[in-house]
Amino acid sequence: MALAGFATPSLESFYNARSGKYRLLQLESRVENRPLAPVEIVDLREDFRATHRAGPLSSKLGEAIAARLGEGTQSLILINRRGYSWFVICRSCGAGIQCENCSISLAYHKQRDRLECHYCGFSRRVPKACPKCASEHVYFFGAGAEQLEEKLREKFPGARVARLDRDAVRTKRAYQQVLADFAFGKLDILVGTQMVRRGMTSSASRWSGWCPPIRSSACRISARPSARFNCSRRLPDAPGAARCPAKVLVETYYPEHYAIQLAARQDYLAFFEKELQFRRLLHYPPFTALASILVRDTKIENAIRWSRQLSAFLAPQESRGVKVLGPARRRLHGSSASIVSSFC
């Protein structure tokens, strides 16, 4: 027997349970019937219209944190981006600085003054001029956890602020120390990535005094609605949130998106039915099975040629209900091409 437990199961797992492939057992009530923390959606578009700035700290979030500091309680801020800025771009020619191995944008880390790839670990110095056109107008876009921590220290100079991500803590002991400091009231504000939420889960018994307004840049996590829903959905479930008056703030540029709205209402079943409709129309799992064939070569021309030959070889299978997509370049490609097949 295999027993799988989920707070927010994947659509594939829940579909298998609803269709009888798995046996579904549900917990109909929360521990001690504790209520969920109320969720408020903050429209960052409205905040920009009012303040004419697009910093990592909205006015609504700043006011909520200031109120918590005045009450002598704590704030936990979740942001899904490491580093100081998401990417670097030249304002003259529009070229971005990408990883040599993965061909994705490098993130800027201010403390180390390096550009780094969060996939393969490649890093390089920050260029003083654009590598493509030699322009000096190199600009940093987006705000990560490191920049948010800096802004919080500037706005609340008397607050005890810490950051919890893979850049700030490198060992298990350091990770546990930050969680312990927050649990025992030695910190006023804790900002971090998904490590924060995982830490809350593993340290549930020590969060009795936690009363946070939580910030989540949920719509920046992924293009997948399920990822948006899961991140926003789990915030009000954080241990300790029901033991004292807590409030969850979800910041987003897409407040009308069904994943954000349904997560705020904690309505997984409605999200499941809505998302299932889109997946059925687009022939996505769980209605199809996907398989990918990756072709690699030291020369991209060879990889493309072999991919096209594979595509031609598989084309006759379409009469048997197999849909062949591609070939297309892999997202993290370097010198490779890939072909994706969808099996109905």
Protein backbone atom coordinates (compact mmCIF):
# COMPACT_ATOMS: atom_id res chain seq x y z
CA MET A 1 0.00 0.00 0.00
CA ALA A 2 1.24 3.51 -0.84
CA LEU A 3 -0.26 6.47 1.00
CA ALA A 4 0.18 9.95 -0.48
CA GLY A 5 -0.84 13.08 1.41
CA PHE A 6 -1.33 16.52 -0.13
CA ALA A 7 -2.47 19.90 1.11
CA THR A 8 -2.96 20.94 -2.51
CA PRO A 9 -2.71 17.83 -4.72
CA SER A 10 -1.63 18.11 -8.32
CA LEU A 11 -4.44 18.08 -10.86
CA GLU A 12 -3.22 14.74 -12.17
CA SER A 13 -3.34 13.13 -8.70
CA PHE A 14 -6.75 14.56 -7.83
CA TYR A 15 -8.14 13.55 -11.22
CA ASN A 16 -6.92 9.99 -10.66
CA ALA A 17 -8.61 10.00 -7.25
CA ARG A 18 -11.89 11.36 -8.65
CA SER A 19 -11.87 8.84 -11.49
CA GLY A 20 -11.32 5.88 -9.15
CA LYS A 21 -7.70 5.10 -9.97
CA TYR A 22 -6.77 6.16 -6.43
CA ARG A 23 -8.91 5.94 -3.34
CA LEU A 24 -9.68 9.42 -2.05
CA LEU A 25 -9.71 10.16 1.70
CA GLN A 26 -10.39 13.76 2.72
CA LEU A 27 -10.00 15.67 5.98
CA GLU A 28 -13.22 17.67 6.25
CA SER A 29 -12.07 19.97 9.08
CA ARG A 30 -8.91 21.65 10.25
CA VAL A 31 -7.04 20.82 13.45
CA GLU A 32 -9.05 22.12 16.44
CA ASN A 33 -11.38 23.73 13.85
CA ARG A 34 -8.97 26.65 13.53
CA PRO A 35 -10.07 29.29 11.03
CA LEU A 36 -7.89 30.25 8.10
CA ALA A 37 -6.24 33.65 8.09
CA PRO A 38 -8.18 36.16 5.94
CA VAL A 39 -6.64 36.90 2.56
CA GLU A 40 -6.53 40.31 0.90
CA ILE A 41 -5.45 40.69 -2.73
CA VAL A 42 -3.34 43.78 -3.42
CA ASP A 43 -3.53 45.10 -6.98
CA LEU A 44 -0.02 46.32 -7.83
CA ARG A 45 -1.38 48.20 -10.84
CA GLU A 46 -3.46 50.41 -8.55
CA ASP A 47 -0.48 50.87 -6.25
CA PHE A 48 1.62 52.09 -9.20
CA ARG A 49 -1.09 54.55 -10.28
CA ALA A 50 -1.20 55.98 -6.77
CA THR A 51 2.53 56.12 -6.03
CA HIS A 52 4.06 56.29 -9.56
CA ARG A 53 6.74 53.81 -8.55
CA ALA A 54 7.12 50.08 -8.96
CA GLY A 55 9.39 49.10 -6.09
CA PRO A 56 9.45 45.77 -4.27
CA LEU A 57 7.50 47.21 -1.33
CA SER A 58 3.93 48.34 -2.01
CA SER A 59 2.28 51.02 0.11
CA LYS A 60 -0.30 48.52 1.40
CA LEU A 61 2.38 46.10 2.52
CA GLY A 62 4.43 48.89 4.08
CA GLU A 63 1.43 50.05 6.12
CA ALA A 64 0.68 46.48 7.26
CA ILE A 65 4.27 45.92 8.41
CA ALA A 66 4.34 49.28 10.20
CA ALA A 67 1.14 48.33 12.05
CA ARG A 68 2.64 45.00 13.12
CA LEU A 69 5.78 46.69 14.37
CA GLY A 70 3.63 49.10 16.35
CA GLU A 71 1.83 46.15 17.94
CA GLY A 72 5.10 44.41 18.75
CA THR A 73 4.30 41.43 16.50
CA GLN A 74 6.08 39.94 13.50
CA SER A 75 5.81 39.93 9.71
CA LEU A 76 6.75 37.19 7.27
CA ILE A 77 7.28 38.12 3.61
CA LEU A 78 7.46 35.49 0.89
CA ILE A 79 8.97 36.40 -2.47
CA ASN A 80 9.80 33.81 -5.09
CA ARG A 81 12.94 35.41 -6.53
CA ARG A 82 16.50 35.04 -5.28
CA GLY A 83 19.10 37.71 -5.80
CA TYR A 84 18.83 41.49 -6.10
CA SER A 85 17.45 41.83 -9.65
CA TRP A 86 15.95 39.26 -12.02
CA PHE A 87 17.93 40.18 -15.11
CA VAL A 88 20.16 42.77 -16.78
CA ILE A 89 19.37 44.43 -20.10
CA CYS A 90 20.94 47.08 -22.31
CA ARG A 91 18.65 50.06 -22.83
CA SER A 92 20.40 50.98 -26.07
CA CYS A 93 20.19 47.73 -28.07
CA GLY A 94 17.86 45.65 -25.88
CA ALA A 95 20.30 42.77 -25.46
CA GLY A 96 20.20 40.79 -22.24
CA ILE A 97 23.10 39.03 -20.54
CA GLN A 98 22.54 35.27 -20.61
CA CYS A 99 24.12 32.14 -19.21
CA GLU A 100 26.71 30.53 -21.51
CA ASN A 101 25.36 27.06 -20.67
CA CYS A 102 21.59 27.54 -20.35
CA SER A 103 20.83 30.59 -22.52
CA ILE A 104 18.62 32.19 -19.86
CA SER A 105 18.98 35.57 -18.21
CA LEU A 106 21.49 35.89 -15.39
CA ALA A 107 20.28 37.28 -12.06
CA TYR A 108 22.18 40.04 -10.29
CA HIS A 109 23.43 39.39 -6.74
CA LYS A 110 24.47 42.68 -5.17
CA GLN A 111 26.27 41.33 -2.10
CA ARG A 112 28.66 39.30 -4.28
CA ASP A 113 28.47 41.80 -7.15
CA ARG A 114 28.03 38.95 -9.62
CA LEU A 115 25.61 37.83 -12.30
CA GLU A 116 24.58 34.23 -11.66
CA CYS A 117 22.57 31.46 -13.31
CA HIS A 118 20.15 29.81 -10.88
CA TYR A 119 20.11 26.60 -12.92
CA CYS A 120 23.73 25.58 -13.51
CA GLY A 121 25.60 27.95 -11.15
CA PHE A 122 27.53 29.81 -13.86
CA SER A 123 28.58 33.32 -12.77
CA ARG A 124 30.42 36.29 -14.21
CA ARG A 125 31.33 39.85 -13.32
CA VAL A 126 28.85 42.64 -13.89
CA PRO A 127 29.87 44.32 -17.16
CA LYS A 128 30.43 48.07 -17.16
CA ALA A 129 29.20 48.22 -20.75
CA CYS A 130 26.92 46.14 -22.95
CA PRO A 131 28.86 43.17 -24.41
CA LYS A 132 26.97 43.57 -27.69
CA CYS A 133 26.97 47.32 -28.45
CA ALA A 134 29.39 48.70 -25.80
CA SER A 135 26.73 51.07 -24.45
CA GLU A 136 27.05 52.15 -20.82
CA HIS A 137 23.27 52.12 -20.35
CA VAL A 138 23.07 48.72 -18.65
CA TYR A 139 19.95 48.46 -16.50
CA PHE A 140 18.83 46.05 -13.76
CA PHE A 141 15.19 44.90 -13.86
CA GLY A 142 13.00 43.25 -11.22
CA ALA A 143 13.30 42.89 -7.46
CA GLY A 144 14.43 39.78 -5.65
CA ALA A 145 14.67 38.81 -1.99
CA GLU A 146 18.00 40.59 -1.53
CA GLN A 147 16.60 43.91 -2.79
CA LEU A 148 13.44 43.53 -0.72
CA GLU A 149 15.52 42.98 2.41
CA GLU A 150 17.50 46.14 1.63
CA LYS A 151 14.34 48.21 1.15
CA LEU A 152 12.86 46.92 4.39
CA ARG A 153 15.98 47.91 6.32
CA GLU A 154 15.81 51.39 4.78
CA LYS A 155 12.10 51.87 5.48
CA PHE A 156 12.15 50.36 8.99
CA PRO A 157 15.64 51.14 10.36
CA GLY A 158 14.77 50.06 13.90
CA ALA A 159 13.35 46.68 12.90
CA ARG A 160 15.24 43.41 13.20
CA VAL A 161 15.21 42.05 9.64
CA ALA A 162 16.60 38.76 8.32
CA ARG A 163 16.54 36.96 4.98
CA LEU A 164 16.13 33.24 4.43
CA ASP A 165 17.17 31.85 1.05
CA ARG A 166 20.02 29.81 -0.43
CA ASP A 167 22.19 32.91 -0.72
CA ALA A 168 21.77 34.03 2.90
CA VAL A 169 22.10 30.59 4.57
CA ARG A 170 24.43 27.91 3.27
CA THR A 171 24.21 25.27 6.00
CA LYS A 172 21.44 23.42 7.79
CA ARG A 173 22.57 24.89 11.10
CA ALA A 174 22.35 28.46 9.79
CA TYR A 175 18.91 27.70 8.32
CA GLN A 176 17.61 26.37 11.64
CA GLN A 177 19.13 29.31 13.51
CA VAL A 178 17.19 31.87 11.44
CA LEU A 179 13.95 29.95 11.97
CA ALA A 180 14.65 29.68 15.70
CA ASP A 181 15.38 33.42 15.98
CA PHE A 182 12.07 34.23 14.33
CA ALA A 183 10.14 31.63 16.34
CA PHE A 184 11.41 33.01 19.64
CA GLY A 185 10.80 36.67 18.78
CA LYS A 186 14.38 37.72 18.06
CA LEU A 187 13.35 39.00 14.61
CA ASP A 188 10.61 41.42 13.58
CA ILE A 189 10.59 40.77 9.85
CA LEU A 190 11.64 37.65 7.97
CA VAL A 191 11.83 37.79 4.17
CA GLY A 192 12.66 34.83 2.01
CA THR A 193 11.87 32.42 -0.80
CA GLN A 194 10.11 29.04 -0.65
CA MET A 195 12.60 28.04 2.06
CA VAL A 196 10.54 30.18 4.44
CA ARG A 197 7.33 28.27 3.80
CA ARG A 198 9.07 24.90 4.11
CA GLY A 199 10.60 26.08 7.36
CA MET A 200 7.20 27.03 8.73
CA THR A 201 5.93 23.54 8.01
CA SER A 202 8.84 21.78 9.70
CA SER A 203 8.81 24.09 12.74
CA ALA A 204 5.08 24.16 13.37
CA SER A 205 5.25 23.64 17.12
CA ARG A 206 7.42 26.74 17.61
CA TRP A 207 5.30 29.34 15.78
CA SER A 208 2.81 30.05 18.56
CA GLY A 209 3.54 33.79 18.63
CA TRP A 210 3.54 34.34 14.89
CA CYS A 211 1.08 37.00 13.65
CA PRO A 212 2.21 37.97 10.18
CA PRO A 213 0.88 39.84 7.23
CA ILE A 214 2.36 37.79 4.41
CA ARG A 215 3.38 39.03 0.99
CA SER A 216 3.53 36.72 -1.98
CA SER A 217 4.41 37.76 -5.51
CA ALA A 218 2.40 34.77 -6.60
CA CYS A 219 1.82 35.70 -10.21
CA ARG A 220 5.54 35.94 -10.84
CA ILE A 221 6.15 32.35 -9.88
CA SER A 222 5.25 30.60 -13.10
CA ALA A 223 3.09 30.83 -16.16
CA ARG A 224 1.27 27.74 -14.88
CA PRO A 225 -1.97 28.61 -13.03
CA SER A 226 -1.47 25.58 -10.76
CA ALA A 227 1.81 27.05 -9.46
CA ARG A 228 0.12 30.39 -8.78
CA PHE A 229 -2.75 28.68 -6.99
CA ASN A 230 -0.58 26.42 -4.86
CA CYS A 231 1.68 29.20 -3.59
CA SER A 232 -1.20 31.54 -2.70
CA ARG A 233 -3.32 28.69 -1.33
CA ARG A 234 -0.72 27.55 1.19
CA LEU A 235 -0.04 30.95 2.76
CA PRO A 236 -3.13 31.09 5.01
CA ASP A 237 -2.42 27.49 6.07
CA ALA A 238 0.90 28.46 7.66
CA PRO A 239 1.38 27.07 11.18
CA GLY A 240 0.55 29.62 13.83
CA ALA A 241 -1.57 31.78 11.52
CA ALA A 242 -4.75 30.69 13.26
CA ARG A 243 -3.48 31.12 16.83
CA CYS A 244 -3.59 34.90 16.74
CA PRO A 245 -5.09 37.60 14.49
CA ALA A 246 -3.20 37.17 11.25
CA LYS A 247 -3.70 38.53 7.76
CA VAL A 248 -2.38 37.45 4.40
CA LEU A 249 -1.61 39.97 1.66
CA VAL A 250 -1.14 38.56 -1.84
CA GLU A 251 0.45 41.09 -4.21
CA THR A 252 -0.13 40.60 -7.91
CA TYR A 253 -0.46 42.42 -11.22
CA TYR A 254 -3.25 39.99 -12.18
CA PRO A 255 -5.80 40.14 -9.34
CA GLU A 256 -8.66 38.99 -11.60
CA HIS A 257 -6.93 35.71 -12.53
CA TYR A 258 -9.02 32.73 -11.45
CA ALA A 259 -6.02 31.02 -9.80
CA ILE A 260 -5.48 34.02 -7.50
CA GLN A 261 -9.18 34.55 -6.77
CA LEU A 262 -9.89 30.90 -5.96
CA ALA A 263 -6.73 30.55 -3.87
CA ALA A 264 -7.82 33.55 -1.80
CA ARG A 265 -11.16 31.82 -1.22
CA GLN A 266 -9.39 28.51 -0.47
CA ASP A 267 -11.60 26.80 -3.05
CA TYR A 268 -9.54 23.96 -4.48
CA LEU A 269 -12.52 22.13 -6.00
CA ALA A 270 -13.57 25.18 -8.02
CA PHE A 271 -9.97 25.63 -9.22
CA PHE A 272 -9.79 21.95 -10.15
CA GLU A 273 -12.94 22.14 -12.28
CA LYS A 274 -11.88 25.40 -13.94
CA GLU A 275 -8.35 24.26 -14.75
CA LEU A 276 -9.62 20.89 -15.94
CA GLN A 277 -11.70 22.60 -18.62
CA PHE A 278 -8.64 24.38 -20.05
CA ARG A 279 -6.53 21.22 -19.96
CA ARG A 280 -9.21 19.23 -21.77
CA LEU A 281 -9.43 21.85 -24.54
CA LEU A 282 -5.64 22.05 -24.93
CA HIS A 283 -5.05 18.28 -24.66
CA TYR A 284 -2.84 18.63 -21.58
CA PRO A 285 -2.40 16.05 -18.80
CA PRO A 286 -4.31 14.33 -17.29
CA PHE A 287 -6.09 13.85 -20.65
CA THR A 288 -2.87 13.06 -22.49
CA ALA A 289 0.56 11.72 -21.64
CA LEU A 290 3.57 13.77 -22.71
CA ALA A 291 6.97 12.42 -23.71
CA SER A 292 9.98 14.42 -24.86
CA ILE A 293 12.94 13.33 -26.95
CA LEU A 294 16.05 15.43 -26.42
CA VAL A 295 18.73 15.55 -29.10
CA ARG A 296 22.16 16.87 -28.15
CA ASP A 297 25.22 17.66 -30.21
CA THR A 298 28.26 19.87 -29.91
CA LYS A 299 27.02 21.70 -33.02
CA ILE A 300 23.50 23.09 -32.99
CA GLU A 301 23.15 22.46 -36.75
CA ASN A 302 23.60 18.70 -36.24
CA ALA A 303 21.09 18.64 -33.38
CA ILE A 304 18.50 20.44 -35.51
CA ARG A 305 19.06 18.07 -38.46
CA TRP A 306 18.62 14.95 -36.32
CA SER A 307 15.54 16.43 -34.64
CA ARG A 308 13.90 17.01 -38.01
CA GLN A 309 14.65 13.45 -39.06
CA LEU A 310 13.08 12.16 -35.86
CA SER A 311 10.03 14.31 -36.45
CA ALA A 312 9.64 12.90 -39.95
CA PHE A 313 10.07 9.34 -38.60
CA LEU A 314 7.30 9.84 -36.01
CA ALA A 315 4.92 11.70 -38.34
CA PRO A 316 3.11 8.50 -39.56
CA GLN A 317 2.11 7.80 -35.95
CA GLU A 318 -0.33 10.73 -36.05
CA SER A 319 -2.87 8.47 -37.75
CA ARG A 320 -2.86 6.39 -34.54
CA GLY A 321 -3.76 9.35 -32.31
CA VAL A 322 -0.21 10.51 -31.59
CA LYS A 323 0.39 14.24 -32.00
CA VAL A 324 3.97 15.28 -32.74
CA LEU A 325 5.05 18.78 -31.73
CA GLY A 326 8.31 20.32 -32.83
CA PRO A 327 11.17 20.09 -33.21
CA ALA A 328 11.76 23.12 -31.04
CA ARG A 329 14.75 24.45 -29.16
CA ARG A 330 14.91 23.36 -25.54
CA ARG A 331 14.21 26.07 -22.97
CA LEU A 332 17.59 25.55 -21.28
CA HIS A 333 19.31 24.60 -24.46
CA GLY A 334 22.97 25.60 -24.73
CA SER A 335 23.91 23.72 -27.91
CA SER A 336 20.96 21.32 -28.22
CA ALA A 337 17.55 21.05 -29.82
CA SER A 338 14.55 19.06 -28.65
CA ILE A 339 11.41 17.48 -30.04
CA VAL A 340 8.30 16.99 -27.91
CA SER A 341 5.66 14.34 -28.62
CA SER A 342 2.21 14.33 -27.05
CA PHE A 343 0.57 10.92 -26.78
CA CYS A 344 -3.23 10.91 -26.56
